[in-house]
Amino acid sequence: MRIGHFSFRKRTKEYLEPYPSRKFWIRLLDQICILAGIVGMIMTIPQLSNIFIDHNAAGVSALSWGSYAALDLPWILYAFVHREPPLLITYTLWLFLNILVCVGAVMYG
């Protein structure tokens, strides 16, 4: 049996769950994951305001935030190759936010 990517499997296998799912709990999980992606980015706003409005990057590690940005790149590539727009959008936005925090930590740290 060939193990392929989900996009390939969802076109060829009837036993896999369709999207959006007909099951309430799976649809709910899909919505929670979208909400988690949005809330996570919103939670970065106080860090950014502290850095760029107050010009205070005390305790912010440029190495950590730069690493987070670098680790977004494989996910962006994965999402692009597998044609997964939700992942592509989410990790591209995360890359942008992580780079902003990293640059701010270098500028004001």
PDB file of N, CA and C in Angstrom:
ATOM      1  N   MET A   1       0.841  -1.185   0.000  1.00  0.00           N
ATOM      2  CA  MET A   1       0.000   0.000   0.000  1.00  0.00           C
ATOM      3  C   MET A   1       0.883   1.244   0.000  1.00  0.00           C
ATOM      4  N   ARG A   2       0.617   2.142  -0.889  1.00  0.00           N
ATOM      5  CA  ARG A   2       1.378   3.389  -0.986  1.00  0.00           C
ATOM      6  C   ARG A   2       0.881   4.360   0.073  1.00  0.00           C
ATOM      7  N   ILE A   3       1.805   4.875   0.843  1.00  0.00           N
ATOM      8  CA  ILE A   3       1.443   5.871   1.843  1.00  0.00           C
ATOM      9  C   ILE A   3       1.704   7.220   1.213  1.00  0.00           C
ATOM     10  N   GLY A   4       0.646   7.937   0.947  1.00  0.00           N
ATOM     11  CA  GLY A   4       0.777   9.234   0.303  1.00  0.00           C
ATOM     12  C   GLY A   4       0.356  10.348   1.225  1.00  0.00           C
ATOM     13  N   HIS A   5       0.408  11.506   0.733  1.00  0.00           N
ATOM     14  CA  HIS A   5      -0.022  12.663   1.493  1.00  0.00           C
ATOM     15  C   HIS A   5      -1.543  12.672   1.601  1.00  0.00           C
ATOM     16  N   PHE A   6      -2.026  13.330   2.626  1.00  0.00           N
ATOM     17  CA  PHE A   6      -3.463  13.384   2.884  1.00  0.00           C
ATOM     18  C   PHE A   6      -4.240  13.901   1.682  1.00  0.00           C
ATOM     19  N   SER A   7      -3.714  14.914   0.995  1.00  0.00           N
ATOM     20  CA  SER A   7      -4.431  15.456  -0.162  1.00  0.00           C
ATOM     21  C   SER A   7      -4.618  14.393  -1.238  1.00  0.00           C
ATOM     22  N   PHE A   8      -3.601  13.563  -1.431  1.00  0.00           N
ATOM     23  CA  PHE A   8      -3.721  12.475  -2.407  1.00  0.00           C
ATOM     24  C   PHE A   8      -4.724  11.446  -1.910  1.00  0.00           C
ATOM     25  N   ARG A   9      -4.609  11.092  -0.642  1.00  0.00           N
ATOM     26  CA  ARG A   9      -5.492  10.076  -0.079  1.00  0.00           C
ATOM     27  C   ARG A   9      -6.938  10.535  -0.070  1.00  0.00           C
ATOM     28  N   LYS A  10      -7.184  11.787   0.227  1.00  0.00           N
ATOM     29  CA  LYS A  10      -8.574  12.231   0.326  1.00  0.00           C
ATOM     30  C   LYS A  10      -9.273  12.213  -1.027  1.00  0.00           C
ATOM     31  N   ARG A  11      -8.492  12.238  -2.108  1.00  0.00           N
ATOM     32  CA  ARG A  11      -9.100  12.148  -3.431  1.00  0.00           C
ATOM     33  C   ARG A  11      -9.370  10.703  -3.822  1.00  0.00           C
ATOM     34  N   THR A  12      -8.611   9.762  -3.251  1.00  0.00           N
ATOM     35  CA  THR A  12      -8.682   8.388  -3.736  1.00  0.00           C
ATOM     36  C   THR A  12      -9.319   7.411  -2.765  1.00  0.00           C
ATOM     37  N   LYS A  13      -9.470   7.756  -1.516  1.00  0.00           N
ATOM     38  CA  LYS A  13      -9.973   6.813  -0.514  1.00  0.00           C
ATOM     39  C   LYS A  13     -11.310   7.289   0.042  1.00  0.00           C
ATOM     40  N   GLU A  14     -12.313   6.455  -0.093  1.00  0.00           N
ATOM     41  CA  GLU A  14     -13.632   6.833   0.397  1.00  0.00           C
ATOM     42  C   GLU A  14     -13.772   6.705   1.902  1.00  0.00           C
ATOM     43  N   TYR A  15     -12.907   5.905   2.554  1.00  0.00           N
ATOM     44  CA  TYR A  15     -13.075   5.671   3.978  1.00  0.00           C
ATOM     45  C   TYR A  15     -12.509   6.801   4.838  1.00  0.00           C
ATOM     46  N   LEU A  16     -11.834   7.761   4.234  1.00  0.00           N
ATOM     47  CA  LEU A  16     -11.319   8.893   4.992  1.00  0.00           C
ATOM     48  C   LEU A  16     -12.410   9.940   5.188  1.00  0.00           C
ATOM     49  N   GLU A  17     -12.266  10.682   6.253  1.00  0.00           N
ATOM     50  CA  GLU A  17     -13.243  11.701   6.614  1.00  0.00           C
ATOM     51  C   GLU A  17     -13.233  12.843   5.594  1.00  0.00           C
ATOM     52  N   PRO A  18     -14.383  13.243   5.076  1.00  0.00           N
ATOM     53  CA  PRO A  18     -14.422  14.393   4.161  1.00  0.00           C
ATOM     54  C   PRO A  18     -14.201  15.695   4.929  1.00  0.00           C
ATOM     55  N   TYR A  19     -13.859  16.723   4.204  1.00  0.00           N
ATOM     56  CA  TYR A  19     -13.714  18.041   4.839  1.00  0.00           C
ATOM     57  C   TYR A  19     -14.696  18.995   4.194  1.00  0.00           C
ATOM     58  N   PRO A  20     -15.495  19.696   4.934  1.00  0.00           N
ATOM     59  CA  PRO A  20     -15.661  19.581   6.378  1.00  0.00           C
ATOM     60  C   PRO A  20     -16.350  18.277   6.744  1.00  0.00           C
ATOM     61  N   SER A  21     -16.039  17.821   7.923  1.00  0.00           N
ATOM     62  CA  SER A  21     -16.546  16.535   8.380  1.00  0.00           C
ATOM     63  C   SER A  21     -18.056  16.575   8.597  1.00  0.00           C
ATOM     64  N   ARG A  22     -18.653  15.424   8.478  1.00  0.00           N
ATOM     65  CA  ARG A  22     -20.081  15.310   8.817  1.00  0.00           C
ATOM     66  C   ARG A  22     -20.267  15.128  10.313  1.00  0.00           C
ATOM     67  N   LYS A  23     -19.170  14.838  11.025  1.00  0.00           N
ATOM     68  CA  LYS A  23     -19.231  14.607  12.473  1.00  0.00           C
ATOM     69  C   LYS A  23     -19.033  15.924  13.217  1.00  0.00           C
ATOM     70  N   PHE A  24     -19.915  16.185  14.145  1.00  0.00           N
ATOM     71  CA  PHE A  24     -19.898  17.426  14.908  1.00  0.00           C
ATOM     72  C   PHE A  24     -18.555  17.634  15.606  1.00  0.00           C
ATOM     73  N   TRP A  25     -18.033  16.616  16.284  1.00  0.00           N
ATOM     74  CA  TRP A  25     -16.822  16.773  17.085  1.00  0.00           C
ATOM     75  C   TRP A  25     -15.602  17.067  16.220  1.00  0.00           C
ATOM     76  N   ILE A  26     -15.547  16.518  15.044  1.00  0.00           N
ATOM     77  CA  ILE A  26     -14.419  16.797  14.155  1.00  0.00           C
ATOM     78  C   ILE A  26     -14.527  18.209  13.600  1.00  0.00           C
ATOM     79  N   ARG A  27     -15.737  18.646  13.251  1.00  0.00           N
ATOM     80  CA  ARG A  27     -15.925  20.040  12.807  1.00  0.00           C
ATOM     81  C   ARG A  27     -15.554  21.003  13.931  1.00  0.00           C
ATOM     82  N   LEU A  28     -15.936  20.653  15.160  1.00  0.00           N
ATOM     83  CA  LEU A  28     -15.603  21.488  16.311  1.00  0.00           C
ATOM     84  C   LEU A  28     -14.084  21.562  16.479  1.00  0.00           C
ATOM     85  N   LEU A  29     -13.393  20.441  16.357  1.00  0.00           N
ATOM     86  CA  LEU A  29     -11.942  20.426  16.464  1.00  0.00           C
ATOM     87  C   LEU A  29     -11.307  21.289  15.376  1.00  0.00           C
ATOM     88  N   ASP A  30     -11.827  21.220  14.158  1.00  0.00           N
ATOM     89  CA  ASP A  30     -11.323  22.069  13.072  1.00  0.00           C
ATOM     90  C   ASP A  30     -11.450  23.543  13.441  1.00  0.00           C
ATOM     91  N   GLN A  31     -12.586  23.925  13.997  1.00  0.00           N
ATOM     92  CA  GLN A  31     -12.814  25.324  14.369  1.00  0.00           C
ATOM     93  C   GLN A  31     -11.928  25.739  15.534  1.00  0.00           C
ATOM     94  N   ILE A  32     -11.719  24.834  16.492  1.00  0.00           N
ATOM     95  CA  ILE A  32     -10.848  25.138  17.627  1.00  0.00           C
ATOM     96  C   ILE A  32      -9.417  25.356  17.156  1.00  0.00           C
ATOM     97  N   CYS A  33      -8.968  24.554  16.196  1.00  0.00           N
ATOM     98  CA  CYS A  33      -7.602  24.707  15.677  1.00  0.00           C
ATOM     99  C   CYS A  33      -7.429  26.038  14.956  1.00  0.00           C
ATOM    100  N   ILE A  34      -8.420  26.448  14.204  1.00  0.00           N
ATOM    101  CA  ILE A  34      -8.357  27.754  13.547  1.00  0.00           C
ATOM    102  C   ILE A  34      -8.316  28.862  14.593  1.00  0.00           C
ATOM    103  N   LEU A  35      -9.162  28.756  15.615  1.00  0.00           N
ATOM    104  CA  LEU A  35      -9.189  29.744  16.692  1.00  0.00           C
ATOM    105  C   LEU A  35      -7.851  29.781  17.430  1.00  0.00           C
ATOM    106  N   ALA A  36      -7.259  28.609  17.684  1.00  0.00           N
ATOM    107  CA  ALA A  36      -5.974  28.553  18.377  1.00  0.00           C
ATOM    108  C   ALA A  36      -4.876  29.257  17.576  1.00  0.00           C
ATOM    109  N   GLY A  37      -4.900  29.087  16.259  1.00  0.00           N
ATOM    110  CA  GLY A  37      -3.916  29.768  15.425  1.00  0.00           C
ATOM    111  C   GLY A  37      -4.049  31.279  15.502  1.00  0.00           C
ATOM    112  N   ILE A  38      -5.277  31.765  15.524  1.00  0.00           N
ATOM    113  CA  ILE A  38      -5.526  33.210  15.603  1.00  0.00           C
ATOM    114  C   ILE A  38      -5.176  33.753  16.980  1.00  0.00           C
ATOM    115  N   VAL A  39      -5.623  33.061  18.033  1.00  0.00           N
ATOM    116  CA  VAL A  39      -5.365  33.526  19.402  1.00  0.00           C
ATOM    117  C   VAL A  39      -3.867  33.531  19.700  1.00  0.00           C
ATOM    118  N   GLY A  40      -3.148  32.520  19.197  1.00  0.00           N
ATOM    119  CA  GLY A  40      -1.704  32.484  19.406  1.00  0.00           C
ATOM    120  C   GLY A  40      -1.018  33.713  18.851  1.00  0.00           C
ATOM    121  N   MET A  41      -1.446  34.133  17.672  1.00  0.00           N
ATOM    122  CA  MET A  41      -0.847  35.331  17.082  1.00  0.00           C
ATOM    123  C   MET A  41      -1.240  36.590  17.852  1.00  0.00           C
ATOM    124  N   ILE A  42      -2.468  36.641  18.312  1.00  0.00           N
ATOM    125  CA  ILE A  42      -2.917  37.793  19.107  1.00  0.00           C
ATOM    126  C   ILE A  42      -2.110  37.890  20.397  1.00  0.00           C
ATOM    127  N   MET A  43      -1.732  36.737  20.964  1.00  0.00           N
ATOM    128  CA  MET A  43      -0.966  36.740  22.208  1.00  0.00           C
ATOM    129  C   MET A  43       0.457  37.269  22.010  1.00  0.00           C
ATOM    130  N   THR A  44       0.902  37.412  20.786  1.00  0.00           N
ATOM    131  CA  THR A  44       2.225  37.966  20.500  1.00  0.00           C
ATOM    132  C   THR A  44       2.190  39.497  20.454  1.00  0.00           C
ATOM    133  N   ILE A  45       1.018  40.077  20.308  1.00  0.00           N
ATOM    134  CA  ILE A  45       0.887  41.537  20.215  1.00  0.00           C
ATOM    135  C   ILE A  45       1.430  42.256  21.447  1.00  0.00           C
ATOM    136  N   PRO A  46       1.172  41.794  22.686  1.00  0.00           N
ATOM    137  CA  PRO A  46       1.767  42.497  23.834  1.00  0.00           C
ATOM    138  C   PRO A  46       3.295  42.496  23.802  1.00  0.00           C
ATOM    139  N   GLN A  47       3.890  41.407  23.333  1.00  0.00           N
ATOM    140  CA  GLN A  47       5.347  41.347  23.207  1.00  0.00           C
ATOM    141  C   GLN A  47       5.829  42.402  22.210  1.00  0.00           C
ATOM    142  N   LEU A  48       5.129  42.487  21.075  1.00  0.00           N
ATOM    143  CA  LEU A  48       5.506  43.465  20.050  1.00  0.00           C
ATOM    144  C   LEU A  48       5.314  44.896  20.546  1.00  0.00           C
ATOM    145  N   SER A  49       4.221  45.157  21.256  1.00  0.00           N
ATOM    146  CA  SER A  49       3.996  46.525  21.752  1.00  0.00           C
ATOM    147  C   SER A  49       5.034  46.893  22.798  1.00  0.00           C
ATOM    148  N   ASN A  50       5.411  45.946  23.641  1.00  0.00           N
ATOM    149  CA  ASN A  50       6.436  46.214  24.636  1.00  0.00           C
ATOM    150  C   ASN A  50       7.763  46.555  23.967  1.00  0.00           C
ATOM    151  N   ILE A  51       8.060  45.895  22.878  1.00  0.00           N
ATOM    152  CA  ILE A  51       9.327  46.135  22.184  1.00  0.00           C
ATOM    153  C   ILE A  51       9.294  47.428  21.384  1.00  0.00           C
ATOM    154  N   PHE A  52       8.279  47.611  20.538  1.00  0.00           N
ATOM    155  CA  PHE A  52       8.293  48.724  19.592  1.00  0.00           C
ATOM    156  C   PHE A  52       7.654  50.012  20.105  1.00  0.00           C
ATOM    157  N   ILE A  53       6.752  49.932  21.052  1.00  0.00           N
ATOM    158  CA  ILE A  53       6.158  51.159  21.602  1.00  0.00           C
ATOM    159  C   ILE A  53       6.956  51.643  22.805  1.00  0.00           C
ATOM    160  N   ASP A  54       7.280  50.703  23.719  1.00  0.00           N
ATOM    161  CA  ASP A  54       8.037  51.075  24.920  1.00  0.00           C
ATOM    162  C   ASP A  54       9.552  51.020  24.703  1.00  0.00           C
ATOM    163  N   HIS A  55       9.985  50.503  23.556  1.00  0.00           N
ATOM    164  CA  HIS A  55      11.417  50.338  23.257  1.00  0.00           C
ATOM    165  C   HIS A  55      12.121  49.561  24.360  1.00  0.00           C
ATOM    166  N   ASN A  56      11.472  48.497  24.808  1.00  0.00           N
ATOM    167  CA  ASN A  56      12.005  47.686  25.892  1.00  0.00           C
ATOM    168  C   ASN A  56      11.987  46.219  25.477  1.00  0.00           C
ATOM    169  N   ALA A  57      13.150  45.663  25.261  1.00  0.00           N
ATOM    170  CA  ALA A  57      13.243  44.249  24.892  1.00  0.00           C
ATOM    171  C   ALA A  57      13.940  43.450  25.980  1.00  0.00           C
ATOM    172  N   ALA A  58      13.864  43.944  27.205  1.00  0.00           N
ATOM    173  CA  ALA A  58      14.489  43.237  28.323  1.00  0.00           C
ATOM    174  C   ALA A  58      13.846  41.866  28.482  1.00  0.00           C
ATOM    175  N   GLY A  59      14.678  40.868  28.564  1.00  0.00           N
ATOM    176  CA  GLY A  59      14.189  39.507  28.755  1.00  0.00           C
ATOM    177  C   GLY A  59      13.726  38.811  27.482  1.00  0.00           C
ATOM    178  N   VAL A  60      13.856  39.476  26.342  1.00  0.00           N
ATOM    179  CA  VAL A  60      13.445  38.875  25.071  1.00  0.00           C
ATOM    180  C   VAL A  60      14.694  38.333  24.385  1.00  0.00           C
ATOM    181  N   SER A  61      14.671  37.073  24.058  1.00  0.00           N
ATOM    182  CA  SER A  61      15.820  36.436  23.433  1.00  0.00           C
ATOM    183  C   SER A  61      15.687  36.475  21.909  1.00  0.00           C
ATOM    184  N   ALA A  62      16.581  37.208  21.267  1.00  0.00           N
ATOM    185  CA  ALA A  62      16.589  37.253  19.800  1.00  0.00           C
ATOM    186  C   ALA A  62      16.898  35.872  19.243  1.00  0.00           C
ATOM    187  N   LEU A  63      17.732  35.110  19.931  1.00  0.00           N
ATOM    188  CA  LEU A  63      18.061  33.758  19.476  1.00  0.00           C
ATOM    189  C   LEU A  63      16.819  32.863  19.466  1.00  0.00           C
ATOM    190  N   SER A  64      16.016  32.931  20.516  1.00  0.00           N
ATOM    191  CA  SER A  64      14.801  32.109  20.582  1.00  0.00           C
ATOM    192  C   SER A  64      13.818  32.498  19.490  1.00  0.00           C
ATOM    193  N   TRP A  65      13.533  33.785  19.373  1.00  0.00           N
ATOM    194  CA  TRP A  65      12.549  34.227  18.384  1.00  0.00           C
ATOM    195  C   TRP A  65      13.061  34.031  16.963  1.00  0.00           C
ATOM    196  N   GLY A  66      14.369  34.175  16.765  1.00  0.00           N
ATOM    197  CA  GLY A  66      14.943  33.882  15.459  1.00  0.00           C
ATOM    198  C   GLY A  66      14.843  32.395  15.129  1.00  0.00           C
ATOM    199  N   SER A  67      15.012  31.566  16.150  1.00  0.00           N
ATOM    200  CA  SER A  67      14.858  30.119  15.951  1.00  0.00           C
ATOM    201  C   SER A  67      13.418  29.764  15.619  1.00  0.00           C
ATOM    202  N   TYR A  68      12.471  30.416  16.296  1.00  0.00           N
ATOM    203  CA  TYR A  68      11.058  30.186  15.971  1.00  0.00           C
ATOM    204  C   TYR A  68      10.790  30.541  14.509  1.00  0.00           C
ATOM    205  N   ALA A  69      11.369  31.654  14.068  1.00  0.00           N
ATOM    206  CA  ALA A  69      11.188  32.074  12.671  1.00  0.00           C
ATOM    207  C   ALA A  69      11.798  31.044  11.722  1.00  0.00           C
ATOM    208  N   ALA A  70      13.002  30.581  12.036  1.00  0.00           N
ATOM    209  CA  ALA A  70      13.649  29.589  11.186  1.00  0.00           C
ATOM    210  C   ALA A  70      12.849  28.287  11.140  1.00  0.00           C
ATOM    211  N   LEU A  71      12.238  27.914  12.251  1.00  0.00           N
ATOM    212  CA  LEU A  71      11.447  26.687  12.292  1.00  0.00           C
ATOM    213  C   LEU A  71      10.101  26.826  11.586  1.00  0.00           C
ATOM    214  N   ASP A  72       9.703  28.046  11.283  1.00  0.00           N
ATOM    215  CA  ASP A  72       8.490  28.247  10.479  1.00  0.00           C
ATOM    216  C   ASP A  72       8.736  27.895   9.012  1.00  0.00           C
ATOM    217  N   LEU A  73       9.966  28.031   8.560  1.00  0.00           N
ATOM    218  CA  LEU A  73      10.280  27.821   7.148  1.00  0.00           C
ATOM    219  C   LEU A  73       9.972  26.400   6.648  1.00  0.00           C
ATOM    220  N   PRO A  74      10.332  25.333   7.386  1.00  0.00           N
ATOM    221  CA  PRO A  74       9.953  24.006   6.896  1.00  0.00           C
ATOM    222  C   PRO A  74       8.437  23.818   6.804  1.00  0.00           C
ATOM    223  N   TRP A  75       7.704  24.413   7.739  1.00  0.00           N
ATOM    224  CA  TRP A  75       6.236  24.305   7.699  1.00  0.00           C
ATOM    225  C   TRP A  75       5.662  25.038   6.498  1.00  0.00           C
ATOM    226  N   ILE A  76       6.240  26.192   6.172  1.00  0.00           N
ATOM    227  CA  ILE A  76       5.783  26.939   4.993  1.00  0.00           C
ATOM    228  C   ILE A  76       6.057  26.134   3.730  1.00  0.00           C
ATOM    229  N   LEU A  77       7.234  25.560   3.654  1.00  0.00           N
ATOM    230  CA  LEU A  77       7.577  24.730   2.494  1.00  0.00           C
ATOM    231  C   LEU A  77       6.655  23.513   2.414  1.00  0.00           C
ATOM    232  N   TYR A  78       6.416  22.869   3.546  1.00  0.00           N
ATOM    233  CA  TYR A  78       5.516  21.714   3.596  1.00  0.00           C
ATOM    234  C   TYR A  78       4.119  22.099   3.097  1.00  0.00           C
ATOM    235  N   ALA A  79       3.609  23.210   3.605  1.00  0.00           N
ATOM    236  CA  ALA A  79       2.260  23.650   3.226  1.00  0.00           C
ATOM    237  C   ALA A  79       2.194  23.994   1.744  1.00  0.00           C
ATOM    238  N   PHE A  80       3.249  24.590   1.221  1.00  0.00           N
ATOM    239  CA  PHE A  80       3.285  24.941  -0.201  1.00  0.00           C
ATOM    240  C   PHE A  80       3.314  23.681  -1.066  1.00  0.00           C
ATOM    241  N   VAL A  81       4.179  22.747  -0.723  1.00  0.00           N
ATOM    242  CA  VAL A  81       4.328  21.522  -1.510  1.00  0.00           C
ATOM    243  C   VAL A  81       3.044  20.693  -1.477  1.00  0.00           C
ATOM    244  N   HIS A  82       2.403  20.635  -0.311  1.00  0.00           N
ATOM    245  CA  HIS A  82       1.210  19.806  -0.155  1.00  0.00           C
ATOM    246  C   HIS A  82      -0.093  20.570  -0.389  1.00  0.00           C
ATOM    247  N   ARG A  83       0.028  21.800  -0.814  1.00  0.00           N
ATOM    248  CA  ARG A  83      -1.136  22.632  -1.130  1.00  0.00           C
ATOM    249  C   ARG A  83      -2.138  22.681   0.027  1.00  0.00           C
ATOM    250  N   GLU A  84      -1.631  23.135   1.176  1.00  0.00           N
ATOM    251  CA  GLU A  84      -2.447  23.273   2.378  1.00  0.00           C
ATOM    252  C   GLU A  84      -2.536  24.757   2.750  1.00  0.00           C
ATOM    253  N   PRO A  85      -3.483  25.500   2.151  1.00  0.00           N
ATOM    254  CA  PRO A  85      -3.568  26.943   2.400  1.00  0.00           C
ATOM    255  C   PRO A  85      -3.671  27.340   3.877  1.00  0.00           C
ATOM    256  N   PRO A  86      -4.433  26.633   4.717  1.00  0.00           N
ATOM    257  CA  PRO A  86      -4.489  27.072   6.124  1.00  0.00           C
ATOM    258  C   PRO A  86      -3.113  27.054   6.789  1.00  0.00           C
ATOM    259  N   LEU A  87      -2.333  26.012   6.534  1.00  0.00           N
ATOM    260  CA  LEU A  87      -0.991  25.958   7.114  1.00  0.00           C
ATOM    261  C   LEU A  87      -0.088  27.017   6.501  1.00  0.00           C
ATOM    262  N   LEU A  88      -0.186  27.222   5.213  1.00  0.00           N
ATOM    263  CA  LEU A  88       0.639  28.212   4.536  1.00  0.00           C
ATOM    264  C   LEU A  88       0.380  29.611   5.096  1.00  0.00           C
ATOM    265  N   ILE A  89      -0.866  29.963   5.248  1.00  0.00           N
ATOM    266  CA  ILE A  89      -1.224  31.281   5.787  1.00  0.00           C
ATOM    267  C   ILE A  89      -0.764  31.416   7.233  1.00  0.00           C
ATOM    268  N   THR A  90      -1.059  30.410   8.041  1.00  0.00           N
ATOM    269  CA  THR A  90      -0.726  30.474   9.463  1.00  0.00           C
ATOM    270  C   THR A  90       0.774  30.606   9.679  1.00  0.00           C
ATOM    271  N   TYR A  91       1.554  29.742   9.050  1.00  0.00           N
ATOM    272  CA  TYR A  91       2.994  29.777   9.301  1.00  0.00           C
ATOM    273  C   TYR A  91       3.679  30.955   8.621  1.00  0.00           C
ATOM    274  N   THR A  92       3.116  31.493   7.571  1.00  0.00           N
ATOM    275  CA  THR A  92       3.667  32.712   6.983  1.00  0.00           C
ATOM    276  C   THR A  92       3.445  33.889   7.929  1.00  0.00           C
ATOM    277  N   LEU A  93       2.257  33.964   8.511  1.00  0.00           N
ATOM    278  CA  LEU A  93       1.994  35.019   9.504  1.00  0.00           C
ATOM    279  C   LEU A  93       2.881  34.854  10.736  1.00  0.00           C
ATOM    280  N   TRP A  94       3.057  33.611  11.199  1.00  0.00           N
ATOM    281  CA  TRP A  94       3.947  33.371  12.336  1.00  0.00           C
ATOM    282  C   TRP A  94       5.383  33.777  12.000  1.00  0.00           C
ATOM    283  N   LEU A  95       5.828  33.483  10.788  1.00  0.00           N
ATOM    284  CA  LEU A  95       7.171  33.880  10.376  1.00  0.00           C
ATOM    285  C   LEU A  95       7.324  35.395  10.479  1.00  0.00           C
ATOM    286  N   PHE A  96       6.345  36.123   9.969  1.00  0.00           N
ATOM    287  CA  PHE A  96       6.375  37.584  10.017  1.00  0.00           C
ATOM    288  C   PHE A  96       6.443  38.085  11.463  1.00  0.00           C
ATOM    289  N   LEU A  97       5.587  37.554  12.347  1.00  0.00           N
ATOM    290  CA  LEU A  97       5.577  37.991  13.752  1.00  0.00           C
ATOM    291  C   LEU A  97       6.880  37.630  14.454  1.00  0.00           C
ATOM    292  N   ASN A  98       7.382  36.423  14.224  1.00  0.00           N
ATOM    293  CA  ASN A  98       8.617  36.002  14.881  1.00  0.00           C
ATOM    294  C   ASN A  98       9.804  36.840  14.422  1.00  0.00           C
ATOM    295  N   ILE A  99       9.839  37.190  13.141  1.00  0.00           N
ATOM    296  CA  ILE A  99      10.912  38.054  12.652  1.00  0.00           C
ATOM    297  C   ILE A  99      10.809  39.443  13.276  1.00  0.00           C
ATOM    298  N   LEU A 100       9.596  39.959  13.387  1.00  0.00           N
ATOM    299  CA  LEU A 100       9.418  41.273  14.024  1.00  0.00           C
ATOM    300  C   LEU A 100       9.940  41.278  15.456  1.00  0.00           C
ATOM    301  N   VAL A 101       9.595  40.266  16.233  1.00  0.00           N
ATOM    302  CA  VAL A 101      10.060  40.203  17.623  1.00  0.00           C
ATOM    303  C   VAL A 101      11.579  40.054  17.656  1.00  0.00           C
ATOM    304  N   CYS A 102      12.129  39.227  16.783  1.00  0.00           N
ATOM    305  CA  CYS A 102      13.573  39.027  16.742  1.00  0.00           C
ATOM    306  C   CYS A 102      14.303  40.323  16.411  1.00  0.00           C
ATOM    307  N   VAL A 103      13.814  41.021  15.402  1.00  0.00           N
ATOM    308  CA  VAL A 103      14.434  42.299  15.007  1.00  0.00           C
ATOM    309  C   VAL A 103      14.309  43.316  16.148  1.00  0.00           C
ATOM    310  N   GLY A 104      13.161  43.376  16.780  1.00  0.00           N
ATOM    311  CA  GLY A 104      12.984  44.279  17.915  1.00  0.00           C
ATOM    312  C   GLY A 104      13.898  43.946  19.072  1.00  0.00           C
ATOM    313  N   ALA A 105      14.107  42.660  19.336  1.00  0.00           N
ATOM    314  CA  ALA A 105      14.997  42.254  20.415  1.00  0.00           C
ATOM    315  C   ALA A 105      16.433  42.666  20.118  1.00  0.00           C
ATOM    316  N   VAL A 106      16.821  42.599  18.858  1.00  0.00           N
ATOM    317  CA  VAL A 106      18.174  43.017  18.476  1.00  0.00           C
ATOM    318  C   VAL A 106      18.293  44.549  18.577  1.00  0.00           C
ATOM    319  N   MET A 107      17.268  45.260  18.100  1.00  0.00           N
ATOM    320  CA  MET A 107      17.309  46.734  18.097  1.00  0.00           C
ATOM    321  C   MET A 107      17.292  47.328  19.500  1.00  0.00           C
ATOM    322  N   TYR A 108      16.434  46.794  20.369  1.00  0.00           N
ATOM    323  CA  TYR A 108      16.217  47.417  21.677  1.00  0.00           C
ATOM    324  C   TYR A 108      16.715  46.573  22.846  1.00  0.00           C
ATOM    325  N   GLY A 109      17.418  45.493  22.548  1.00  0.00           N
ATOM    326  CA  GLY A 109      17.867  44.573  23.613  1.00  0.00           C
ATOM    327  C   GLY A 109      19.155  44.940  24.259  1.00  0.00           C
TER     328      GLY A 109
END
